[in-house]
C-alpha atoms as a PDB file:
ATOM      1  CA  UNK A   1     109.593 133.141  90.402  1.00  0.00           C
ATOM      2  CA  UNK A   2     111.814 132.169  87.687  1.00  0.00           C
ATOM      3  CA  UNK A   3     113.104 128.733  86.754  1.00  0.00           C
ATOM      4  CA  UNK A   4     115.988 129.441  88.057  1.00  0.00           C
ATOM      5  CA  UNK A   5     114.421 130.537  91.446  1.00  0.00           C
ATOM      6  CA  UNK A   6     112.606 127.445  91.537  1.00  0.00           C
ATOM      7  CA  UNK A   7     115.898 125.411  90.459  1.00  0.00           C
ATOM      8  CA  UNK A   8     117.648 126.714  93.647  1.00  0.00           C
ATOM      9  CA  UNK A   9     114.702 126.567  96.274  1.00  0.00           C
ATOM     10  CA  UNK A  10     114.438 123.006  94.870  1.00  0.00           C
ATOM     11  CA  UNK A  11     118.093 122.021  95.154  1.00  0.00           C
ATOM     12  CA  UNK A  12     118.574 124.055  98.137  1.00  0.00           C
ATOM     13  CA  UNK A  13     115.923 122.547 100.255  1.00  0.00           C
ATOM     14  CA  UNK A  14     116.779 118.873  99.187  1.00  0.00           C
ATOM     15  CA  UNK A  15     118.153 116.166 101.279  1.00  0.00           C
ATOM     16  CA  UNK A  16     120.482 114.262  99.415  1.00  0.00           C
ATOM     17  CA  UNK A  17     120.615 110.665 100.170  1.00  0.00           C
ATOM     18  CA  UNK A  18     124.232 110.205 100.815  1.00  0.00           C
ATOM     19  CA  UNK A  19     127.616 112.247 101.338  1.00  0.00           C
ATOM     20  CA  UNK A  20     128.058 111.809  97.519  1.00  0.00           C
ATOM     21  CA  UNK A  21     124.590 113.320  96.403  1.00  0.00           C
ATOM     22  CA  UNK A  22     125.327 116.106  98.550  1.00  0.00           C
ATOM     23  CA  UNK A  23     128.550 116.958  97.051  1.00  0.00           C
ATOM     24  CA  UNK A  24     126.792 117.596  93.749  1.00  0.00           C
ATOM     25  CA  UNK A  25     123.844 119.193  95.361  1.00  0.00           C
ATOM     26  CA  UNK A  26     126.405 122.128  96.828  1.00  0.00           C
ATOM     27  CA  UNK A  27     127.879 121.856  93.327  1.00  0.00           C
ATOM     28  CA  UNK A  28     124.619 122.441  91.616  1.00  0.00           C
ATOM     29  CA  UNK A  29     123.413 125.260  93.924  1.00  0.00           C
ATOM     30  CA  UNK A  30     126.945 126.887  93.490  1.00  0.00           C
ATOM     31  CA  UNK A  31     126.731 126.894  89.264  1.00  0.00           C
ATOM     32  CA  UNK A  32     123.185 128.411  89.576  1.00  0.00           C
ATOM     33  CA  UNK A  33     124.158 131.049  92.148  1.00  0.00           C
ATOM     34  CA  UNK A  34     127.270 131.807  90.127  1.00  0.00           C
ATOM     35  CA  UNK A  35     125.436 131.489  86.587  1.00  0.00           C
ATOM     36  CA  UNK A  36     122.154 133.298  85.740  1.00  0.00           C
ATOM     37  CA  UNK A  37     122.029 131.660  82.859  1.00  0.00           C
ATOM     38  CA  UNK A  38     122.552 128.112  84.566  1.00  0.00           C
ATOM     39  CA  UNK A  39     119.729 126.509  83.229  1.00  0.00           C
ATOM     40  CA  UNK A  40     120.244 127.174  79.718  1.00  0.00           C
ATOM     41  CA  UNK A  41     121.616 124.862  76.833  1.00  0.00           C
ATOM     42  CA  UNK A  42     123.792 127.915  75.821  1.00  0.00           C
ATOM     43  CA  UNK A  43     125.503 128.072  79.441  1.00  0.00           C
ATOM     44  CA  UNK A  44     129.173 126.593  78.726  1.00  0.00           C
ATOM     45  CA  UNK A  45     131.079 124.513  80.193  1.00  0.00           C
ATOM     46  CA  UNK A  46     127.915 123.260  82.232  1.00  0.00           C
ATOM     47  CA  UNK A  47     124.110 123.639  82.350  1.00  0.00           C
ATOM     48  CA  UNK A  48     121.663 122.164  84.615  1.00  0.00           C
ATOM     49  CA  UNK A  49     118.878 119.535  82.716  1.00  0.00           C
ATOM     50  CA  UNK A  50     115.945 117.887  84.372  1.00  0.00           C
ATOM     51  CA  UNK A  51     114.480 114.402  83.927  1.00  0.00           C
ATOM     52  CA  UNK A  52     112.670 111.396  85.279  1.00  0.00           C
ATOM     53  CA  UNK A  53     112.771 107.667  85.756  1.00  0.00           C
ATOM     54  CA  UNK A  54     109.465 106.545  85.096  1.00  0.00           C
ATOM     55  CA  UNK A  55     108.194 103.393  86.678  1.00  0.00           C
ATOM     56  CA  UNK A  56     105.038 101.411  85.515  1.00  0.00           C
ATOM     57  CA  UNK A  57     102.068 101.530  87.698  1.00  0.00           C
ATOM     58  CA  UNK A  58     102.925  98.171  89.533  1.00  0.00           C
ATOM     59  CA  UNK A  59     106.758  99.792  90.083  1.00  0.00           C
ATOM     60  CA  UNK A  60     108.010  96.305  88.071  1.00  0.00           C
ATOM     61  CA  UNK A  61     109.524  97.971  84.919  1.00  0.00           C
ATOM     62  CA  UNK A  62     111.146 101.330  84.437  1.00  0.00           C
ATOM     63  CA  UNK A  63     110.598 103.182  80.785  1.00  0.00           C
ATOM     64  CA  UNK A  64     113.991 103.674  79.194  1.00  0.00           C
ATOM     65  CA  UNK A  65     114.727 105.534  75.845  1.00  0.00           C
ATOM     66  CA  UNK A  66     117.773 104.270  73.203  1.00  0.00           C
ATOM     67  CA  UNK A  67     119.426 107.701  73.078  1.00  0.00           C
ATOM     68  CA  UNK A  68     120.149 108.640  69.001  1.00  0.00           C
ATOM     69  CA  UNK A  69     123.175 110.186  69.705  1.00  0.00           C
ATOM     70  CA  UNK A  70     124.619 108.111  72.361  1.00  0.00           C
ATOM     71  CA  UNK A  71     123.121 104.658  71.474  1.00  0.00           C
ATOM     72  CA  UNK A  72     122.850 103.862  74.825  1.00  0.00           C
ATOM     73  CA  UNK A  73     119.414 103.173  77.354  1.00  0.00           C
ATOM     74  CA  UNK A  74     118.362 106.374  79.522  1.00  0.00           C
ATOM     75  CA  UNK A  75     115.827 107.463  81.871  1.00  0.00           C
ATOM     76  CA  UNK A  76     113.682 109.853  79.939  1.00  0.00           C
ATOM     77  CA  UNK A  77     114.876 113.821  79.863  1.00  0.00           C
ATOM     78  CA  UNK A  78     117.020 116.853  78.674  1.00  0.00           C
ATOM     79  CA  UNK A  79     116.847 120.328  78.364  1.00  0.00           C
ATOM     80  CA  UNK A  80     115.459 123.336  80.043  1.00  0.00           C
ATOM     81  CA  UNK A  81     113.180 125.255  77.736  1.00  0.00           C
ATOM     82  CA  UNK A  82     112.226 128.988  78.214  1.00  0.00           C
ATOM     83  CA  UNK A  83     108.795 127.914  79.034  1.00  0.00           C
ATOM     84  CA  UNK A  84     109.374 126.002  81.970  1.00  0.00           C
ATOM     85  CA  UNK A  85     108.536 127.546  84.704  1.00  0.00           C
ATOM     86  CA  UNK A  86     110.109 124.918  87.411  1.00  0.00           C
ATOM     87  CA  UNK A  87     112.963 122.042  87.016  1.00  0.00           C
ATOM     88  CA  UNK A  88     110.021 119.461  88.167  1.00  0.00           C
ATOM     89  CA  UNK A  89     107.676 120.855  85.673  1.00  0.00           C
ATOM     90  CA  UNK A  90     111.121 120.587  82.704  1.00  0.00           C
ATOM     91  CA  UNK A  91     111.550 116.771  83.595  1.00  0.00           C
ATOM     92  CA  UNK A  92     107.750 116.162  83.673  1.00  0.00           C
ATOM     93  CA  UNK A  93     107.420 117.775  80.181  1.00  0.00           C
ATOM     94  CA  UNK A  94     110.516 115.618  78.867  1.00  0.00           C
ATOM     95  CA  UNK A  95     109.367 112.422  79.873  1.00  0.00           C
ATOM     96  CA  UNK A  96     106.130 112.982  78.675  1.00  0.00           C
ATOM     97  CA  UNK A  97     107.593 114.016  74.970  1.00  0.00           C
ATOM     98  CA  UNK A  98     109.581 111.448  74.781  1.00  0.00           C
ATOM     99  CA  UNK A  99     107.424 108.915  76.061  1.00  0.00           C
ATOM    100  CA  UNK A 100     104.531 109.815  74.152  1.00  0.00           C
ATOM    101  CA  UNK A 101     102.505 109.043  77.864  1.00  0.00           C
ATOM    102  CA  UNK A 102      99.596 111.272  78.887  1.00  0.00           C
ATOM    103  CA  UNK A 103      99.157 111.285  82.860  1.00  0.00           C
ATOM    104  CA  UNK A 104     102.381 110.582  84.284  1.00  0.00           C
ATOM    105  CA  UNK A 105     102.700 111.575  88.113  1.00  0.00           C
ATOM    106  CA  UNK A 106     105.865 113.058  89.053  1.00  0.00           C
ATOM    107  CA  UNK A 107     106.966 113.444  92.412  1.00  0.00           C
ATOM    108  CA  UNK A 108     108.189 116.761  92.739  1.00  0.00           C
ATOM    109  CA  UNK A 109     111.340 116.246  95.190  1.00  0.00           C
ATOM    110  CA  UNK A 110     114.425 115.669  92.944  1.00  0.00           C
ATOM    111  CA  UNK A 111     115.331 111.489  93.381  1.00  0.00           C
ATOM    112  CA  UNK A 112     119.070 111.447  92.351  1.00  0.00           C
ATOM    113  CA  UNK A 113     121.731 113.918  90.985  1.00  0.00           C
ATOM    114  CA  UNK A 114     124.561 113.197  88.047  1.00  0.00           C
ATOM    115  CA  UNK A 115     126.708 115.086  86.440  1.00  0.00           C
ATOM    116  CA  UNK A 116     128.467 113.893  83.325  1.00  0.00           C
ATOM    117  CA  UNK A 117     130.283 115.388  79.962  1.00  0.00           C
ATOM    118  CA  UNK A 118     128.646 115.200  77.169  1.00  0.00           C
ATOM    119  CA  UNK A 119     130.290 115.475  73.737  1.00  0.00           C
ATOM    120  CA  UNK A 120     127.331 116.065  71.381  1.00  0.00           C
ATOM    121  CA  UNK A 121     125.446 119.144  72.952  1.00  0.00           C
ATOM    122  CA  UNK A 122     125.091 121.949  70.822  1.00  0.00           C
ATOM    123  CA  UNK A 123     128.122 123.612  69.137  1.00  0.00           C
ATOM    124  CA  UNK A 124     130.296 123.190  72.024  1.00  0.00           C
ATOM    125  CA  UNK A 125     132.743 120.174  71.337  1.00  0.00           C
ATOM    126  CA  UNK A 126     132.302 119.117  75.244  1.00  0.00           C
ATOM    127  CA  UNK A 127     129.745 120.251  77.717  1.00  0.00           C
ATOM    128  CA  UNK A 128     128.250 119.052  81.502  1.00  0.00           C
ATOM    129  CA  UNK A 129     125.461 118.102  82.075  1.00  0.00           C
ATOM    130  CA  UNK A 130     124.066 119.004  85.794  1.00  0.00           C
ATOM    131  CA  UNK A 131     121.051 116.303  85.307  1.00  0.00           C
ATOM    132  CA  UNK A 132     118.449 116.671  88.323  1.00  0.00           C
ATOM    133  CA  UNK A 133     116.600 113.190  88.136  1.00  0.00           C
ATOM    134  CA  UNK A 134     113.076 113.485  89.774  1.00  0.00           C
ATOM    135  CA  UNK A 135     110.493 109.778  89.628  1.00  0.00           C
ATOM    136  CA  UNK A 136     107.228 109.526  87.669  1.00  0.00           C
ATOM    137  CA  UNK A 137     104.799 107.045  87.517  1.00  0.00           C
ATOM    138  CA  UNK A 138     102.800 105.929  84.674  1.00  0.00           C
ATOM    139  CA  UNK A 139      99.111 105.345  84.631  1.00  0.00           C
ATOM    140  CA  UNK A 140      98.090 101.380  84.179  1.00  0.00           C
ATOM    141  CA  UNK A 141      98.213 100.149  80.854  1.00  0.00           C
ATOM    142  CA  UNK A 142     100.617 102.647  79.412  1.00  0.00           C
ATOM    143  CA  UNK A 143     101.582 102.017  75.927  1.00  0.00           C
ATOM    144  CA  UNK A 144     104.857 104.304  75.123  1.00  0.00           C
ATOM    145  CA  UNK A 145     105.890 105.804  71.618  1.00  0.00           C
ATOM    146  CA  UNK A 146     109.096 106.556  69.969  1.00  0.00           C
ATOM    147  CA  UNK A 147     110.037 110.456  69.874  1.00  0.00           C
ATOM    148  CA  UNK A 148     112.052 111.781  67.333  1.00  0.00           C
ATOM    149  CA  UNK A 149     115.337 112.097  69.887  1.00  0.00           C
ATOM    150  CA  UNK A 150     114.972 108.265  70.243  1.00  0.00           C
ATOM    151  CA  UNK A 151     116.168 105.232  68.675  1.00  0.00           C
ATOM    152  CA  UNK A 152     113.205 103.227  70.633  1.00  0.00           C
ATOM    153  CA  UNK A 153     111.184 103.346  74.170  1.00  0.00           C
ATOM    154  CA  UNK A 154     110.750 100.545  76.177  1.00  0.00           C
ATOM    155  CA  UNK A 155     109.762  98.683  79.453  1.00  0.00           C
ATOM    156  CA  UNK A 156     112.728  96.988  81.091  1.00  0.00           C
ATOM    157  CA  UNK A 157     112.521  95.023  84.135  1.00  0.00           C
ATOM    158  CA  UNK A 158     113.729  96.832  87.294  1.00  0.00           C
ATOM    159  CA  UNK A 159     115.704  94.024  88.292  1.00  0.00           C
ATOM    160  CA  UNK A 160     117.194  93.510  84.457  1.00  0.00           C
ATOM    161  CA  UNK A 161     118.342  97.312  83.517  1.00  0.00           C
ATOM    162  CA  UNK A 162     121.276  97.639  81.042  1.00  0.00           C
ATOM    163  CA  UNK A 163     124.382  97.731  83.224  1.00  0.00           C
ATOM    164  CA  UNK A 164     126.284 100.187  80.866  1.00  0.00           C
ATOM    165  CA  UNK A 165     124.692 103.440  82.666  1.00  0.00           C
ATOM    166  CA  UNK A 166     125.751 102.379  85.933  1.00  0.00           C
ATOM    167  CA  UNK A 167     123.649 105.028  87.958  1.00  0.00           C
ATOM    168  CA  UNK A 168     120.304 103.700  86.340  1.00  0.00           C
ATOM    169  CA  UNK A 169     120.272 101.040  89.035  1.00  0.00           C
ATOM    170  CA  UNK A 170     121.020 103.620  91.925  1.00  0.00           C
ATOM    171  CA  UNK A 171     118.068 105.524  90.525  1.00  0.00           C
ATOM    172  CA  UNK A 172     116.133 102.511  90.483  1.00  0.00           C
ATOM    173  CA  UNK A 173     116.538 101.773  93.976  1.00  0.00           C
ATOM    174  CA  UNK A 174     116.107 104.974  95.455  1.00  0.00           C
ATOM    175  CA  UNK A 175     112.878 105.369  93.665  1.00  0.00           C
ATOM    176  CA  UNK A 176     111.569 101.900  94.857  1.00  0.00           C
ATOM    177  CA  UNK A 177     112.918 102.906  98.240  1.00  0.00           C
ATOM    178  CA  UNK A 178     110.799 106.088  97.973  1.00  0.00           C
ATOM    179  CA  UNK A 179     107.601 104.411  96.991  1.00  0.00           C
ATOM    180  CA  UNK A 180     107.981 101.572  99.735  1.00  0.00           C
ATOM    181  CA  UNK A 181     107.926 104.184 102.146  1.00  0.00           C
ATOM    182  CA  UNK A 182     104.879 105.798 101.049  1.00  0.00           C
END
């Protein structure tokens, strides 16, 4: 199975939590059906990316990265690569690379979708990232390290997240609800 096939299966079978997420799910699936290169960073004007909201083992903190180019705190994530076999695997790879944390436990079911324009992606002046976000939980006492892609990486209390990225609170609520449901 190719990465594209996996992404279509994962998104095609995902039960979106609300109508807005369902519209995004449908748009992502349509994009992948129309564009065989839809997961490649070279796909313009949009491509699928993968990320993870990493929570601490006690679920009290979220690990965020201060993005070098955007200058904002985000969840961990980025572009899919040729060696990625699954969308969840791409998210786990990105989270591990950007945090320096080994042993992240990733839930393979998407948590949240987002479509946003990016002005600093590759050679195109404007690209839309179709971001598929997953939930990962760090091992106890995990100590992150800053990668070359970040200015900083640190734990934030889930009740006191930066408010300049509005969907961060929604992702965290969805993650905590999922973890509480078992």
